[in-house]
Amino acid sequence: LEMRDLMEQERPGQGVWDLKLTPGG
């Protein structure tokens, strides 16, 4: 969870079509 939070801070998803980084991606 800590690693995922860090990724979210450093590389947040860029909208619904960012299939890699958006929540649920």
mmCIF file of all heavy atoms, coordinates in Angstrom:
data_MODEL
# 
_entry.id   MODEL 
# 
loop_
_atom_site.group_PDB 
_atom_site.id 
_atom_site.type_symbol 
_atom_site.label_atom_id 
_atom_site.label_alt_id 
_atom_site.label_comp_id 
_atom_site.label_asym_id 
_atom_site.label_entity_id 
_atom_site.label_seq_id 
_atom_site.pdbx_PDB_ins_code 
_atom_site.Cartn_x 
_atom_site.Cartn_y 
_atom_site.Cartn_z 
_atom_site.occupancy 
_atom_site.B_iso_or_equiv 
_atom_site.pdbx_formal_charge 
_atom_site.auth_seq_id 
_atom_site.auth_comp_id 
_atom_site.auth_asym_id 
_atom_site.auth_atom_id 
_atom_site.pdbx_PDB_model_num 
ATOM 1   N N   . LEU A 1 1  ? 0.828   -1.213 0.000   1.00 0.00 ? 1  LEU A N   1 
ATOM 2   C CA  . LEU A 1 1  ? 0.000   0.000  0.000   1.00 0.00 ? 1  LEU A CA  1 
ATOM 3   C C   . LEU A 1 1  ? 0.858   1.257  0.000   1.00 0.00 ? 1  LEU A C   1 
ATOM 4   O O   . LEU A 1 1  ? 0.551   2.234  -0.705  1.00 0.00 ? 1  LEU A O   1 
ATOM 5   C CB  . LEU A 1 1  ? -0.939  0.000  1.206   1.00 0.00 ? 1  LEU A CB  1 
ATOM 6   C CG  . LEU A 1 1  ? -2.073  -1.027 1.157   1.00 0.00 ? 1  LEU A CG  1 
ATOM 7   C CD1 . LEU A 1 1  ? -2.811  -1.070 2.484   1.00 0.00 ? 1  LEU A CD1 1 
ATOM 8   C CD2 . LEU A 1 1  ? -3.024  -0.739 0.015   1.00 0.00 ? 1  LEU A CD2 1 
ATOM 9   N N   . GLU A 1 2  ? 1.935   1.229  0.765   1.00 0.00 ? 2  GLU A N   1 
ATOM 10  C CA  . GLU A 1 2  ? 2.848   2.383  0.801   1.00 0.00 ? 2  GLU A CA  1 
ATOM 11  C C   . GLU A 1 2  ? 3.486   2.609  -0.573  1.00 0.00 ? 2  GLU A C   1 
ATOM 12  O O   . GLU A 1 2  ? 3.597   3.749  -1.043  1.00 0.00 ? 2  GLU A O   1 
ATOM 13  C CB  . GLU A 1 2  ? 3.925   2.147  1.853   1.00 0.00 ? 2  GLU A CB  1 
ATOM 14  C CG  . GLU A 1 2  ? 4.887   3.306  2.008   1.00 0.00 ? 2  GLU A CG  1 
ATOM 15  C CD  . GLU A 1 2  ? 5.965   3.040  3.054   1.00 0.00 ? 2  GLU A CD  1 
ATOM 16  O OE1 . GLU A 1 2  ? 5.803   2.118  3.880   1.00 0.00 ? 2  GLU A OE1 1 
ATOM 17  O OE2 . GLU A 1 2  ? 6.980   3.767  3.026   1.00 0.00 ? 2  GLU A OE2 1 
ATOM 18  N N   . MET A 1 3  ? 3.888   1.517  -1.228  1.00 0.00 ? 3  MET A N   1 
ATOM 19  C CA  . MET A 1 3  ? 4.498   1.633  -2.554  1.00 0.00 ? 3  MET A CA  1 
ATOM 20  C C   . MET A 1 3  ? 3.496   2.172  -3.570  1.00 0.00 ? 3  MET A C   1 
ATOM 21  O O   . MET A 1 3  ? 3.832   3.024  -4.396  1.00 0.00 ? 3  MET A O   1 
ATOM 22  C CB  . MET A 1 3  ? 5.010   0.256  -2.997  1.00 0.00 ? 3  MET A CB  1 
ATOM 23  C CG  . MET A 1 3  ? 5.695   0.242  -4.333  1.00 0.00 ? 3  MET A CG  1 
ATOM 24  S SD  . MET A 1 3  ? 7.202   1.220  -4.289  1.00 0.00 ? 3  MET A SD  1 
ATOM 25  C CE  . MET A 1 3  ? 7.571   1.310  -6.038  1.00 0.00 ? 3  MET A CE  1 
ATOM 26  N N   . ARG A 1 4  ? 2.256   1.712  -3.502  1.00 0.00 ? 4  ARG A N   1 
ATOM 27  C CA  . ARG A 1 4  ? 1.240   2.191  -4.439  1.00 0.00 ? 4  ARG A CA  1 
ATOM 28  C C   . ARG A 1 4  ? 0.937   3.666  -4.197  1.00 0.00 ? 4  ARG A C   1 
ATOM 29  O O   . ARG A 1 4  ? 0.763   4.432  -5.147  1.00 0.00 ? 4  ARG A O   1 
ATOM 30  C CB  . ARG A 1 4  ? -0.037  1.345  -4.323  1.00 0.00 ? 4  ARG A CB  1 
ATOM 31  C CG  . ARG A 1 4  ? -1.097  1.718  -5.363  1.00 0.00 ? 4  ARG A CG  1 
ATOM 32  C CD  . ARG A 1 4  ? -0.584  1.495  -6.777  1.00 0.00 ? 4  ARG A CD  1 
ATOM 33  N NE  . ARG A 1 4  ? -1.523  1.944  -7.791  1.00 0.00 ? 4  ARG A NE  1 
ATOM 34  C CZ  . ARG A 1 4  ? -1.368  3.032  -8.537  1.00 0.00 ? 4  ARG A CZ  1 
ATOM 35  N NH1 . ARG A 1 4  ? -0.303  3.818  -8.358  1.00 0.00 ? 4  ARG A NH1 1 
ATOM 36  N NH2 . ARG A 1 4  ? -2.246  3.360  -9.463  1.00 0.00 ? 4  ARG A NH2 1 
ATOM 37  N N   . ASP A 1 5  ? 0.874   4.073  -2.927  1.00 0.00 ? 5  ASP A N   1 
ATOM 38  C CA  . ASP A 1 5  ? 0.655   5.488  -2.612  1.00 0.00 ? 5  ASP A CA  1 
ATOM 39  C C   . ASP A 1 5  ? 1.785   6.353  -3.155  1.00 0.00 ? 5  ASP A C   1 
ATOM 40  O O   . ASP A 1 5  ? 1.547   7.440  -3.694  1.00 0.00 ? 5  ASP A O   1 
ATOM 41  C CB  . ASP A 1 5  ? 0.520   5.692  -1.100  1.00 0.00 ? 5  ASP A CB  1 
ATOM 42  C CG  . ASP A 1 5  ? -0.797  5.188  -0.546  1.00 0.00 ? 5  ASP A CG  1 
ATOM 43  O OD1 . ASP A 1 5  ? -1.732  4.954  -1.345  1.00 0.00 ? 5  ASP A OD1 1 
ATOM 44  O OD2 . ASP A 1 5  ? -0.894  5.016  0.683   1.00 0.00 ? 5  ASP A OD2 1 
ATOM 45  N N   . LEU A 1 6  ? 3.024   5.873  -3.009  1.00 0.00 ? 6  LEU A N   1 
ATOM 46  C CA  . LEU A 1 6  ? 4.178   6.616  -3.526  1.00 0.00 ? 6  LEU A CA  1 
ATOM 47  C C   . LEU A 1 6  ? 4.098   6.753  -5.046  1.00 0.00 ? 6  LEU A C   1 
ATOM 48  O O   . LEU A 1 6  ? 4.344   7.833  -5.596  1.00 0.00 ? 6  LEU A O   1 
ATOM 49  C CB  . LEU A 1 6  ? 5.468   5.902  -3.120  1.00 0.00 ? 6  LEU A CB  1 
ATOM 50  C CG  . LEU A 1 6  ? 6.772   6.552  -3.572  1.00 0.00 ? 6  LEU A CG  1 
ATOM 51  C CD1 . LEU A 1 6  ? 6.929   7.946  -2.984  1.00 0.00 ? 6  LEU A CD1 1 
ATOM 52  C CD2 . LEU A 1 6  ? 7.956   5.674  -3.195  1.00 0.00 ? 6  LEU A CD2 1 
ATOM 53  N N   . MET A 1 7  ? 3.730   5.669  -5.716  1.00 0.00 ? 7  MET A N   1 
ATOM 54  C CA  . MET A 1 7  ? 3.572   5.740  -7.175  1.00 0.00 ? 7  MET A CA  1 
ATOM 55  C C   . MET A 1 7  ? 2.493   6.742  -7.562  1.00 0.00 ? 7  MET A C   1 
ATOM 56  O O   . MET A 1 7  ? 2.650   7.493  -8.522  1.00 0.00 ? 7  MET A O   1 
ATOM 57  C CB  . MET A 1 7  ? 3.211   4.360  -7.743  1.00 0.00 ? 7  MET A CB  1 
ATOM 58  C CG  . MET A 1 7  ? 4.362   3.413  -7.858  1.00 0.00 ? 7  MET A CG  1 
ATOM 59  S SD  . MET A 1 7  ? 3.875   1.888  -8.703  1.00 0.00 ? 7  MET A SD  1 
ATOM 60  C CE  . MET A 1 7  ? 3.656   2.491  -10.378 1.00 0.00 ? 7  MET A CE  1 
ATOM 61  N N   . GLU A 1 8  ? 1.399   6.752  -6.821  1.00 0.00 ? 8  GLU A N   1 
ATOM 62  C CA  . GLU A 1 8  ? 0.297   7.674  -7.113  1.00 0.00 ? 8  GLU A CA  1 
ATOM 63  C C   . GLU A 1 8  ? 0.751   9.126  -6.964  1.00 0.00 ? 8  GLU A C   1 
ATOM 64  O O   . GLU A 1 8  ? 0.354   9.987  -7.753  1.00 0.00 ? 8  GLU A O   1 
ATOM 65  C CB  . GLU A 1 8  ? -0.881  7.386  -6.179  1.00 0.00 ? 8  GLU A CB  1 
ATOM 66  C CG  . GLU A 1 8  ? -2.046  8.342  -6.317  1.00 0.00 ? 8  GLU A CG  1 
ATOM 67  C CD  . GLU A 1 8  ? -2.768  8.256  -7.650  1.00 0.00 ? 8  GLU A CD  1 
ATOM 68  O OE1 . GLU A 1 8  ? -2.712  7.206  -8.314  1.00 0.00 ? 8  GLU A OE1 1 
ATOM 69  O OE2 . GLU A 1 8  ? -3.379  9.270  -8.037  1.00 0.00 ? 8  GLU A OE2 1 
ATOM 70  N N   . GLN A 1 9  ? 1.600   9.392  -5.970  1.00 0.00 ? 9  GLN A N   1 
ATOM 71  C CA  . GLN A 1 9  ? 2.103   10.748 -5.777  1.00 0.00 ? 9  GLN A CA  1 
ATOM 72  C C   . GLN A 1 9  ? 3.078   11.151 -6.880  1.00 0.00 ? 9  GLN A C   1 
ATOM 73  O O   . GLN A 1 9  ? 3.043   12.277 -7.377  1.00 0.00 ? 9  GLN A O   1 
ATOM 74  C CB  . GLN A 1 9  ? 2.805   10.860 -4.423  1.00 0.00 ? 9  GLN A CB  1 
ATOM 75  C CG  . GLN A 1 9  ? 1.871   10.746 -3.233  1.00 0.00 ? 9  GLN A CG  1 
ATOM 76  C CD  . GLN A 1 9  ? 2.625   10.611 -1.928  1.00 0.00 ? 9  GLN A CD  1 
ATOM 77  O OE1 . GLN A 1 9  ? 3.767   11.046 -1.809  1.00 0.00 ? 9  GLN A OE1 1 
ATOM 78  N NE2 . GLN A 1 9  ? 1.992   10.001 -0.937  1.00 0.00 ? 9  GLN A NE2 1 
ATOM 79  N N   . GLU A 1 10 ? 3.959   10.216 -7.262  1.00 0.00 ? 10 GLU A N   1 
ATOM 80  C CA  . GLU A 1 10 ? 5.002   10.541 -8.227  1.00 0.00 ? 10 GLU A CA  1 
ATOM 81  C C   . GLU A 1 10 ? 4.535   10.427 -9.674  1.00 0.00 ? 10 GLU A C   1 
ATOM 82  O O   . GLU A 1 10 ? 5.033   11.140 -10.545 1.00 0.00 ? 10 GLU A O   1 
ATOM 83  C CB  . GLU A 1 10 ? 6.219   9.640  -7.996  1.00 0.00 ? 10 GLU A CB  1 
ATOM 84  C CG  . GLU A 1 10 ? 6.905   9.917  -6.670  1.00 0.00 ? 10 GLU A CG  1 
ATOM 85  C CD  . GLU A 1 10 ? 8.178   9.108  -6.488  1.00 0.00 ? 10 GLU A CD  1 
ATOM 86  O OE1 . GLU A 1 10 ? 8.485   8.255  -7.346  1.00 0.00 ? 10 GLU A OE1 1 
ATOM 87  O OE2 . GLU A 1 10 ? 8.870   9.342  -5.479  1.00 0.00 ? 10 GLU A OE2 1 
ATOM 88  N N   . ARG A 1 11 ? 3.610   9.510  -9.944  1.00 0.00 ? 11 ARG A N   1 
ATOM 89  C CA  . ARG A 1 11 ? 3.133   9.302  -11.315 1.00 0.00 ? 11 ARG A CA  1 
ATOM 90  C C   . ARG A 1 11 ? 1.625   9.088  -11.302 1.00 0.00 ? 11 ARG A C   1 
ATOM 91  O O   . ARG A 1 11 ? 1.145   7.975  -11.516 1.00 0.00 ? 11 ARG A O   1 
ATOM 92  C CB  . ARG A 1 11 ? 3.825   8.086  -11.933 1.00 0.00 ? 11 ARG A CB  1 
ATOM 93  C CG  . ARG A 1 11 ? 5.312   8.256  -12.124 1.00 0.00 ? 11 ARG A CG  1 
ATOM 94  C CD  . ARG A 1 11 ? 5.925   7.019  -12.743 1.00 0.00 ? 11 ARG A CD  1 
ATOM 95  N NE  . ARG A 1 11 ? 5.377   6.748  -14.052 1.00 0.00 ? 11 ARG A NE  1 
ATOM 96  C CZ  . ARG A 1 11 ? 5.371   5.548  -14.636 1.00 0.00 ? 11 ARG A CZ  1 
ATOM 97  N NH1 . ARG A 1 11 ? 5.880   4.506  -14.031 1.00 0.00 ? 11 ARG A NH1 1 
ATOM 98  N NH2 . ARG A 1 11 ? 4.864   5.385  -15.835 1.00 0.00 ? 11 ARG A NH2 1 
ATOM 99  N N   . PRO A 1 12 ? 0.863   10.149 -11.050 1.00 0.00 ? 12 PRO A N   1 
ATOM 100 C CA  . PRO A 1 12 ? -0.588  9.981  -11.010 1.00 0.00 ? 12 PRO A CA  1 
ATOM 101 C C   . PRO A 1 12 ? -1.148  9.650  -12.400 1.00 0.00 ? 12 PRO A C   1 
ATOM 102 O O   . PRO A 1 12 ? -0.547  9.997  -13.418 1.00 0.00 ? 12 PRO A O   1 
ATOM 103 C CB  . PRO A 1 12 ? -1.097  11.339 -10.523 1.00 0.00 ? 12 PRO A CB  1 
ATOM 104 C CG  . PRO A 1 12 ? -0.017  12.304 -10.906 1.00 0.00 ? 12 PRO A CG  1 
ATOM 105 C CD  . PRO A 1 12 ? 1.273   11.535 -10.832 1.00 0.00 ? 12 PRO A CD  1 
ATOM 106 N N   . GLY A 1 13 ? -2.282  8.981  -12.414 1.00 0.00 ? 13 GLY A N   1 
ATOM 107 C CA  . GLY A 1 13 ? -2.937  8.661  -13.676 1.00 0.00 ? 13 GLY A CA  1 
ATOM 108 C C   . GLY A 1 13 ? -3.350  9.915  -14.423 1.00 0.00 ? 13 GLY A C   1 
ATOM 109 O O   . GLY A 1 13 ? -3.618  10.952 -13.811 1.00 0.00 ? 13 GLY A O   1 
ATOM 110 N N   . GLN A 1 14 ? -3.405  9.800  -15.736 1.00 0.00 ? 14 GLN A N   1 
ATOM 111 C CA  . GLN A 1 14 ? -3.716  10.960 -16.580 1.00 0.00 ? 14 GLN A CA  1 
ATOM 112 C C   . GLN A 1 14 ? -5.066  10.807 -17.276 1.00 0.00 ? 14 GLN A C   1 
ATOM 113 O O   . GLN A 1 14 ? -5.177  10.972 -18.475 1.00 0.00 ? 14 GLN A O   1 
ATOM 114 C CB  . GLN A 1 14 ? -2.606  11.153 -17.625 1.00 0.00 ? 14 GLN A CB  1 
ATOM 115 C CG  . GLN A 1 14 ? -1.230  11.363 -17.041 1.00 0.00 ? 14 GLN A CG  1 
ATOM 116 C CD  . GLN A 1 14 ? -1.150  12.623 -16.194 1.00 0.00 ? 14 GLN A CD  1 
ATOM 117 O OE1 . GLN A 1 14 ? -1.618  13.675 -16.583 1.00 0.00 ? 14 GLN A OE1 1 
ATOM 118 N NE2 . GLN A 1 14 ? -0.568  12.506 -15.009 1.00 0.00 ? 14 GLN A NE2 1 
ATOM 119 N N   . GLY A 1 15 ? -6.079  10.464 -16.534 1.00 0.00 ? 15 GLY A N   1 
ATOM 120 C CA  . GLY A 1 15 ? -7.417  10.386 -17.105 1.00 0.00 ? 15 GLY A CA  1 
ATOM 121 C C   . GLY A 1 15 ? -7.865  8.962  -17.356 1.00 0.00 ? 15 GLY A C   1 
ATOM 122 O O   . GLY A 1 15 ? -7.110  8.001  -17.189 1.00 0.00 ? 15 GLY A O   1 
ATOM 123 N N   . VAL A 1 16 ? -9.107  8.834  -17.772 1.00 0.00 ? 16 VAL A N   1 
ATOM 124 C CA  . VAL A 1 16 ? -9.752  7.532  -17.899 1.00 0.00 ? 16 VAL A CA  1 
ATOM 125 C C   . VAL A 1 16 ? -9.040  6.598  -18.867 1.00 0.00 ? 16 VAL A C   1 
ATOM 126 O O   . VAL A 1 16 ? -9.043  5.379  -18.700 1.00 0.00 ? 16 VAL A O   1 
ATOM 127 C CB  . VAL A 1 16 ? -11.241 7.706  -18.295 1.00 0.00 ? 16 VAL A CB  1 
ATOM 128 C CG1 . VAL A 1 16 ? -11.374 8.242  -19.715 1.00 0.00 ? 16 VAL A CG1 1 
ATOM 129 C CG2 . VAL A 1 16 ? -11.997 6.407  -18.137 1.00 0.00 ? 16 VAL A CG2 1 
ATOM 130 N N   . TRP A 1 17 ? -8.376  7.149  -19.895 1.00 0.00 ? 17 TRP A N   1 
ATOM 131 C CA  . TRP A 1 17 ? -7.717  6.306  -20.896 1.00 0.00 ? 17 TRP A CA  1 
ATOM 132 C C   . TRP A 1 17 ? -6.271  5.985  -20.542 1.00 0.00 ? 17 TRP A C   1 
ATOM 133 O O   . TRP A 1 17 ? -5.574  5.323  -21.308 1.00 0.00 ? 17 TRP A O   1 
ATOM 134 C CB  . TRP A 1 17 ? -7.823  6.941  -22.284 1.00 0.00 ? 17 TRP A CB  1 
ATOM 135 C CG  . TRP A 1 17 ? -9.252  6.934  -22.750 1.00 0.00 ? 17 TRP A CG  1 
ATOM 136 C CD1 . TRP A 1 17 ? -10.099 7.997  -22.808 1.00 0.00 ? 17 TRP A CD1 1 
ATOM 137 C CD2 . TRP A 1 17 ? -10.003 5.799  -23.162 1.00 0.00 ? 17 TRP A CD2 1 
ATOM 138 N NE1 . TRP A 1 17 ? -11.329 7.592  -23.238 1.00 0.00 ? 17 TRP A NE1 1 
ATOM 139 C CE2 . TRP A 1 17 ? -11.300 6.240  -23.466 1.00 0.00 ? 17 TRP A CE2 1 
ATOM 140 C CE3 . TRP A 1 17 ? -9.708  4.432  -23.305 1.00 0.00 ? 17 TRP A CE3 1 
ATOM 141 C CZ2 . TRP A 1 17 ? -12.306 5.388  -23.912 1.00 0.00 ? 17 TRP A CZ2 1 
ATOM 142 C CZ3 . TRP A 1 17 ? -10.704 3.579  -23.747 1.00 0.00 ? 17 TRP A CZ3 1 
ATOM 143 C CH2 . TRP A 1 17 ? -11.987 4.052  -24.039 1.00 0.00 ? 17 TRP A CH2 1 
ATOM 144 N N   . ASP A 1 18 ? -5.819  6.441  -19.380 1.00 0.00 ? 18 ASP A N   1 
ATOM 145 C CA  . ASP A 1 18 ? -4.528  5.994  -18.858 1.00 0.00 ? 18 ASP A CA  1 
ATOM 146 C C   . ASP A 1 18 ? -4.808  4.659  -18.180 1.00 0.00 ? 18 ASP A C   1 
ATOM 147 O O   . ASP A 1 18 ? -5.144  4.601  -16.998 1.00 0.00 ? 18 ASP A O   1 
ATOM 148 C CB  . ASP A 1 18 ? -3.952  7.004  -17.874 1.00 0.00 ? 18 ASP A CB  1 
ATOM 149 C CG  . ASP A 1 18 ? -2.582  6.614  -17.342 1.00 0.00 ? 18 ASP A CG  1 
ATOM 150 O OD1 . ASP A 1 18 ? -2.187  5.433  -17.502 1.00 0.00 ? 18 ASP A OD1 1 
ATOM 151 O OD2 . ASP A 1 18 ? -1.913  7.476  -16.756 1.00 0.00 ? 18 ASP A OD2 1 
ATOM 152 N N   . LEU A 1 19 ? -4.714  3.605  -18.947 1.00 0.00 ? 19 LEU A N   1 
ATOM 153 C CA  . LEU A 1 19 ? -5.129  2.288  -18.474 1.00 0.00 ? 19 LEU A CA  1 
ATOM 154 C C   . LEU A 1 19 ? -4.132  1.675  -17.506 1.00 0.00 ? 19 LEU A C   1 
ATOM 155 O O   . LEU A 1 19 ? -4.432  0.677  -16.859 1.00 0.00 ? 19 LEU A O   1 
ATOM 156 C CB  . LEU A 1 19 ? -5.354  1.354  -19.665 1.00 0.00 ? 19 LEU A CB  1 
ATOM 157 C CG  . LEU A 1 19 ? -6.427  1.837  -20.636 1.00 0.00 ? 19 LEU A CG  1 
ATOM 158 C CD1 . LEU A 1 19 ? -6.467  0.955  -21.871 1.00 0.00 ? 19 LEU A CD1 1 
ATOM 159 C CD2 . LEU A 1 19 ? -7.784  1.892  -19.971 1.00 0.00 ? 19 LEU A CD2 1 
ATOM 160 N N   . LYS A 1 20 ? -2.978  2.276  -17.384 1.00 0.00 ? 20 LYS A N   1 
ATOM 161 C CA  . LYS A 1 20 ? -1.954  1.739  -16.497 1.00 0.00 ? 20 LYS A CA  1 
ATOM 162 C C   . LYS A 1 20 ? -2.040  2.331  -15.100 1.00 0.00 ? 20 LYS A C   1 
ATOM 163 O O   . LYS A 1 20 ? -2.071  1.599  -14.112 1.00 0.00 ? 20 LYS A O   1 
ATOM 164 C CB  . LYS A 1 20 ? -0.569  1.992  -17.100 1.00 0.00 ? 20 LYS A CB  1 
ATOM 165 C CG  . LYS A 1 20 ? 0.570   1.414  -16.286 1.00 0.00 ? 20 LYS A CG  1 
ATOM 166 C CD  . LYS A 1 20 ? 1.898   1.608  -16.997 1.00 0.00 ? 20 LYS A CD  1 
ATOM 167 C CE  . LYS A 1 20 ? 3.042   1.017  -16.185 1.00 0.00 ? 20 LYS A CE  1 
ATOM 168 N NZ  . LYS A 1 20 ? 4.338   1.212  -16.854 1.00 0.00 ? 20 LYS A NZ  1 
ATOM 169 N N   . LEU A 1 21 ? -2.076  3.640  -14.992 1.00 0.00 ? 21 LEU A N   1 
ATOM 170 C CA  . LEU A 1 21 ? -1.860  4.298  -13.705 1.00 0.00 ? 21 LEU A CA  1 
ATOM 171 C C   . LEU A 1 21 ? -3.107  4.803  -13.002 1.00 0.00 ? 21 LEU A C   1 
ATOM 172 O O   . LEU A 1 21 ? -3.056  5.099  -11.813 1.00 0.00 ? 21 LEU A O   1 
ATOM 173 C CB  . LEU A 1 21 ? -0.882  5.458  -13.879 1.00 0.00 ? 21 LEU A CB  1 
ATOM 174 C CG  . LEU A 1 21 ? 0.539   5.060  -14.293 1.00 0.00 ? 21 LEU A CG  1 
ATOM 175 C CD1 . LEU A 1 21 ? 1.370   6.290  -14.614 1.00 0.00 ? 21 LEU A CD1 1 
ATOM 176 C CD2 . LEU A 1 21 ? 1.211   4.236  -13.213 1.00 0.00 ? 21 LEU A CD2 1 
ATOM 177 N N   . THR A 1 22 ? -4.240  4.939  -13.697 1.00 0.00 ? 22 THR A N   1 
ATOM 178 C CA  . THR A 1 22 ? -5.430  5.433  -13.020 1.00 0.00 ? 22 THR A CA  1 
ATOM 179 C C   . THR A 1 22 ? -5.931  4.399  -12.016 1.00 0.00 ? 22 THR A C   1 
ATOM 180 O O   . THR A 1 22 ? -5.661  3.211  -12.155 1.00 0.00 ? 22 THR A O   1 
ATOM 181 C CB  . THR A 1 22 ? -6.553  5.757  -14.020 1.00 0.00 ? 22 THR A CB  1 
ATOM 182 O OG1 . THR A 1 22 ? -6.786  4.621  -14.842 1.00 0.00 ? 22 THR A OG1 1 
ATOM 183 C CG2 . THR A 1 22 ? -6.228  6.957  -14.870 1.00 0.00 ? 22 THR A CG2 1 
ATOM 184 N N   . PRO A 1 23 ? -6.642  4.844  -10.973 1.00 0.00 ? 23 PRO A N   1 
ATOM 185 C CA  . PRO A 1 23 ? -7.189  3.890  -10.002 1.00 0.00 ? 23 PRO A CA  1 
ATOM 186 C C   . PRO A 1 23 ? -8.007  2.798  -10.705 1.00 0.00 ? 23 PRO A C   1 
ATOM 187 O O   . PRO A 1 23 ? -8.828  3.081  -11.570 1.00 0.00 ? 23 PRO A O   1 
ATOM 188 C CB  . PRO A 1 23 ? -8.071  4.767  -9.105  1.00 0.00 ? 23 PRO A CB  1 
ATOM 189 C CG  . PRO A 1 23 ? -7.418  6.118  -9.178  1.00 0.00 ? 23 PRO A CG  1 
ATOM 190 C CD  . PRO A 1 23 ? -6.929  6.234  -10.607 1.00 0.00 ? 23 PRO A CD  1 
ATOM 191 N N   . GLY A 1 24 ? -7.738  1.549  -10.320 1.00 0.00 ? 24 GLY A N   1 
ATOM 192 C CA  . GLY A 1 24 ? -8.403  0.416  -10.954 1.00 0.00 ? 24 GLY A CA  1 
ATOM 193 C C   . GLY A 1 24 ? -7.730  -0.026 -12.240 1.00 0.00 ? 24 GLY A C   1 
ATOM 194 O O   . GLY A 1 24 ? -8.190  -0.953 -12.908 1.00 0.00 ? 24 GLY A O   1 
ATOM 195 N N   . GLY A 1 25 ? -6.613  0.614  -12.582 1.00 0.00 ? 25 GLY A N   1 
ATOM 196 C CA  . GLY A 1 25 ? -5.894  0.289  -13.809 1.00 0.00 ? 25 GLY A CA  1 
ATOM 197 C C   . GLY A 1 25 ? -4.957  -0.897 -13.639 1.00 0.00 ? 25 GLY A C   1 
ATOM 198 O O   . GLY A 1 25 ? -4.974  -1.605 -12.629 1.00 0.00 ? 25 GLY A O   1 
# 
